[in-house]
Protein backbone atom coordinates (compact mmCIF):
# COMPACT_ATOMS: atom_id res chain seq x y z
CA MET A 1 -83.21 -46.77 -1.97
CA SER A 2 -80.01 -47.58 -0.23
CA ASN A 3 -79.65 -50.84 -2.31
CA GLN A 4 -79.80 -48.99 -5.43
CA SER A 5 -77.37 -46.32 -4.20
CA ALA A 6 -75.03 -48.98 -3.32
CA LEU A 7 -75.18 -50.48 -6.74
CA ASN A 8 -74.71 -47.08 -8.40
CA ARG A 9 -71.51 -46.35 -6.25
CA PRO A 10 -69.09 -48.38 -8.45
CA ILE A 11 -70.42 -46.92 -11.67
CA THR A 12 -70.04 -43.32 -10.28
CA THR A 13 -66.62 -44.12 -9.10
CA PHE A 14 -65.72 -45.52 -12.43
CA LEU A 15 -67.28 -42.50 -14.40
CA ILE A 16 -65.39 -39.85 -12.10
CA GLY A 17 -62.08 -41.77 -12.60
CA TRP A 18 -62.65 -41.96 -16.32
CA VAL A 19 -63.48 -38.28 -16.51
CA LEU A 20 -60.44 -37.40 -14.33
CA ALA A 21 -58.04 -39.44 -16.62
CA LEU A 22 -59.63 -37.87 -19.65
CA ILE A 23 -58.96 -34.37 -18.24
CA ILE A 24 -55.38 -35.15 -17.35
CA ALA A 25 -54.67 -36.62 -20.74
CA LEU A 26 -56.11 -33.55 -22.39
CA THR A 27 -54.33 -31.18 -20.26
CA SER A 28 -50.94 -32.98 -20.86
CA ALA A 29 -51.52 -32.91 -24.66
CA CYS A 30 -52.35 -29.35 -24.55
CA GLY A 31 -49.47 -28.46 -22.26
CA GLY A 32 -46.79 -30.23 -24.45
CA SER A 33 -47.28 -27.73 -27.12
CA SER A 34 -44.87 -25.18 -25.78
CA ASN A 35 -41.69 -27.15 -26.95
CA SER A 36 -43.16 -27.64 -30.59
CA GLU A 37 -44.12 -23.96 -30.56
CA ALA A 38 -40.58 -23.07 -29.80
CA GLU A 39 -39.28 -25.19 -32.59
CA SER A 40 -41.80 -23.82 -35.14
CA SER A 41 -40.95 -20.30 -34.29
CA ILE A 42 -37.65 -20.99 -36.12
CA GLN A 43 -38.04 -21.82 -39.79
CA ARG A 44 -35.75 -24.55 -40.98
CA VAL A 45 -35.68 -23.33 -44.59
CA LEU A 46 -35.74 -19.70 -45.49
CA ALA A 47 -35.01 -18.62 -49.08
CA GLY A 48 -33.22 -15.35 -49.71
CA GLU A 49 -31.27 -13.62 -52.45
CA ARG A 50 -28.14 -13.50 -50.31
CA ALA A 51 -25.18 -15.65 -51.08
CA TYR A 52 -23.20 -16.53 -47.92
CA THR A 53 -19.42 -17.11 -48.11
CA ILE A 54 -16.77 -17.89 -45.66
CA GLU A 55 -16.02 -14.31 -45.46
CA ASP A 56 -19.34 -13.71 -43.79
CA ILE A 57 -18.23 -16.05 -41.05
CA GLU A 58 -14.87 -14.43 -40.79
CA SER A 59 -16.52 -11.03 -40.55
CA ILE A 60 -18.06 -12.12 -37.15
CA LYS A 61 -14.94 -13.37 -35.51
CA PRO A 62 -14.86 -10.22 -33.20
CA SER A 63 -18.10 -11.59 -31.65
CA GLY A 64 -16.27 -14.68 -30.56
CA VAL A 65 -16.71 -17.05 -33.48
CA LYS A 66 -13.83 -19.20 -34.33
CA ILE A 67 -13.26 -21.04 -37.51
CA VAL A 68 -11.48 -24.40 -36.41
CA LYS A 69 -11.34 -26.59 -39.33
CA LYS A 70 -11.84 -26.56 -43.16
CA TYR A 71 -13.37 -29.59 -44.75
CA ASP A 72 -12.66 -31.10 -48.15
CA VAL A 73 -15.88 -31.02 -50.04
CA ASP A 74 -14.83 -33.07 -53.08
CA GLU A 75 -17.27 -36.01 -51.81
CA LEU A 76 -20.09 -33.57 -50.75
CA PRO A 77 -22.35 -33.21 -53.64
CA GLY A 78 -22.89 -29.50 -54.80
CA ALA A 79 -21.02 -27.98 -51.84
CA THR A 80 -18.57 -25.27 -52.46
CA ASP A 81 -17.14 -25.01 -48.90
CA ALA A 82 -17.78 -26.48 -45.34
CA ARG A 83 -16.27 -25.43 -42.01
CA ASN A 84 -16.30 -26.37 -38.45
CA VAL A 85 -16.92 -23.34 -36.31
CA ILE A 86 -17.23 -22.61 -32.49
CA TYR A 87 -19.25 -19.93 -30.98
CA ASN A 88 -20.05 -19.60 -27.18
CA LYS A 89 -18.30 -22.94 -26.67
CA LEU A 90 -20.61 -24.75 -28.90
CA ASP A 91 -19.86 -26.42 -32.21
CA TYR A 92 -21.37 -25.53 -35.47
CA GLU A 93 -20.79 -26.82 -38.98
CA VAL A 94 -21.52 -24.50 -41.90
CA ARG A 95 -21.68 -25.68 -45.43
CA PHE A 96 -21.99 -23.46 -48.54
CA TYR A 97 -23.50 -24.02 -51.92
CA ALA A 98 -23.75 -22.13 -55.18
CA THR A 99 -27.31 -21.39 -54.62
CA HIS A 100 -30.35 -21.76 -52.30
CA GLU A 101 -31.64 -24.39 -54.63
CA ASP A 102 -28.52 -26.43 -54.70
CA ALA A 103 -28.48 -26.33 -50.72
CA ILE A 104 -31.92 -27.71 -50.67
CA GLU A 105 -31.79 -30.19 -53.49
CA GLN A 106 -28.17 -31.60 -52.82
CA GLY A 107 -27.70 -30.70 -49.13
CA THR A 108 -31.04 -31.78 -47.50
CA LEU A 109 -30.40 -35.54 -47.65
CA TYR A 110 -26.95 -35.30 -46.04
CA ALA A 111 -28.28 -32.81 -43.42
CA ASP A 112 -31.04 -35.01 -42.44
CA SER A 113 -28.69 -38.10 -42.20
CA ILE A 114 -26.46 -36.43 -39.36
CA THR A 115 -29.07 -34.51 -37.33
CA GLY A 116 -31.67 -35.54 -34.78
CA ASP A 117 -32.27 -38.59 -32.63
CA ASP A 118 -31.82 -40.94 -35.49
CA ALA A 119 -28.52 -39.60 -36.90
CA VAL A 120 -26.00 -41.83 -38.56
CA VAL A 121 -22.70 -40.61 -37.16
CA ILE A 122 -20.62 -43.75 -37.22
CA GLY A 123 -20.41 -46.72 -39.35
CA ASP A 124 -20.57 -47.70 -43.25
CA GLU A 125 -23.85 -45.72 -43.64
CA VAL A 126 -22.34 -42.32 -43.04
CA LEU A 127 -23.00 -40.36 -46.33
CA TRP A 128 -20.00 -38.08 -46.11
CA GLU A 129 -16.87 -39.19 -44.24
CA GLU A 130 -14.98 -35.95 -44.13
CA GLY A 131 -15.22 -34.56 -40.69
CA GLU A 132 -17.31 -37.53 -39.39
CA LYS A 133 -15.71 -37.61 -35.83
CA ASP A 134 -16.69 -33.80 -35.53
CA ARG A 135 -20.38 -34.55 -35.91
CA ARG A 136 -20.79 -37.11 -33.16
CA LYS A 137 -20.42 -36.80 -29.32
CA CYS A 138 -19.57 -39.57 -26.75
CA SER A 139 -22.48 -40.20 -24.25
CA ARG A 140 -21.78 -42.27 -21.33
CA ALA A 141 -22.65 -42.66 -17.87
CA ALA A 142 -20.33 -41.61 -15.10
CA GLY A 143 -17.43 -43.98 -14.39
CA THR A 144 -17.75 -45.86 -17.67
CA PRO A 145 -14.49 -46.33 -19.59
CA HIS A 146 -14.26 -44.78 -23.08
CA SER A 147 -14.97 -48.20 -24.56
CA GLY A 148 -18.38 -47.84 -23.17
CA CYS A 149 -19.10 -44.76 -25.29
CA SER A 150 -22.42 -44.47 -27.15
CA TYR A 151 -22.12 -42.06 -30.02
CA SER A 152 -24.86 -39.73 -30.76
CA ALA A 153 -25.31 -36.67 -33.06
CA ARG A 154 -23.52 -33.39 -31.97
CA TYR A 155 -25.92 -31.49 -34.08
CA LEU A 156 -29.68 -32.00 -33.42
CA GLU A 157 -30.88 -29.52 -35.87
CA TYR A 158 -29.84 -27.50 -38.94
CA VAL A 159 -31.34 -24.53 -40.82
CA ILE A 160 -30.90 -23.45 -44.48
CA ARG A 161 -30.47 -19.80 -45.19
CA GLY A 162 -30.01 -18.77 -48.78
CA ASN A 163 -27.15 -20.94 -49.99
CA MET A 164 -25.91 -21.94 -46.48
CA ILE A 165 -26.65 -24.95 -44.25
CA LEU A 166 -25.99 -24.34 -40.64
CA PHE A 167 -25.74 -27.30 -38.22
CA CYS A 168 -26.26 -26.51 -34.56
CA GLU A 169 -25.32 -28.22 -31.23
CA GLY A 170 -27.87 -28.58 -28.48
CA ASP A 171 -29.16 -31.14 -25.87
CA GLU A 172 -32.64 -30.81 -27.21
CA SER A 173 -34.20 -29.79 -30.64
CA SER A 174 -35.43 -26.51 -29.33
CA GLN A 175 -32.16 -25.66 -27.75
CA ALA A 176 -30.35 -26.48 -31.08
CA PHE A 177 -32.67 -24.18 -33.02
CA GLU A 178 -32.20 -21.42 -30.44
CA ASN A 179 -28.33 -21.87 -30.89
CA CYS A 180 -28.73 -21.68 -34.70
CA ASN A 181 -30.64 -18.59 -34.23
CA ASN A 182 -27.92 -16.89 -31.96
CA LEU A 183 -25.29 -17.46 -34.64
CA LEU A 184 -27.45 -16.17 -37.52
CA ALA A 185 -28.31 -13.08 -35.59
CA LEU A 186 -24.55 -12.12 -35.91
CA LEU A 187 -24.79 -12.58 -39.52
CA GLU A 188 -27.80 -10.48 -39.98
CA PRO A 189 -28.06 -7.92 -37.16
CA VAL A 190 -31.51 -6.22 -36.85
C-alpha cells in the first residue's frame, strides 16, 4: 500500500498545484474588473439637446477654470471652436461642433488619434497640427536630459457631450474619465 501511496504523491501534488494556479488566475481575473467598472460608469458619448459654446466654459471661470488658448479650427473638420483649458492644475481641450452628430461623425477620428496609449502626438501622422505641442507630455527618467524625452499623450480619454468633445488629462484612463466628469459637473450642476 505504501508503494501505491508513493506513486500517487506526485499526481496529488500536481493536481493541488494546478487547482491553486487556477484559483489564483480566476481571482485575478475577477479582481481586475474594478478599473473597467470605473471606466464604464462614465459614458464616452452622451447625446443631448444642449448646444455648448465657449460662453458655457467662460461661465464656470469663477470655479477656477481658466481658458488659456484659442486654436484655429480651419483645418479641423466640422469644428466651430477649440480651446485649451486648465482646471485644478490639469489640462483639458474642448472642441465645439455645430451638432452632436457632427461631433461624432467628424470629431471621433481626430479624438481617437490623440488619446490613449497609442496616441499619435508627434510626427507626420498627426491629423491636426494646431496645438500639437499642447496634446503631448514629456516622459523621462530622472536625470535624463531633455533630448531623452519620450512624448506621450497628455489626454488619455475624451467624452462627447452634445456638440462638445472634451479631452481630459490623467495618468490612467479611469483617472482621465474622472477628471472629465469633474469639469462636466461644473457645466451641469445637479
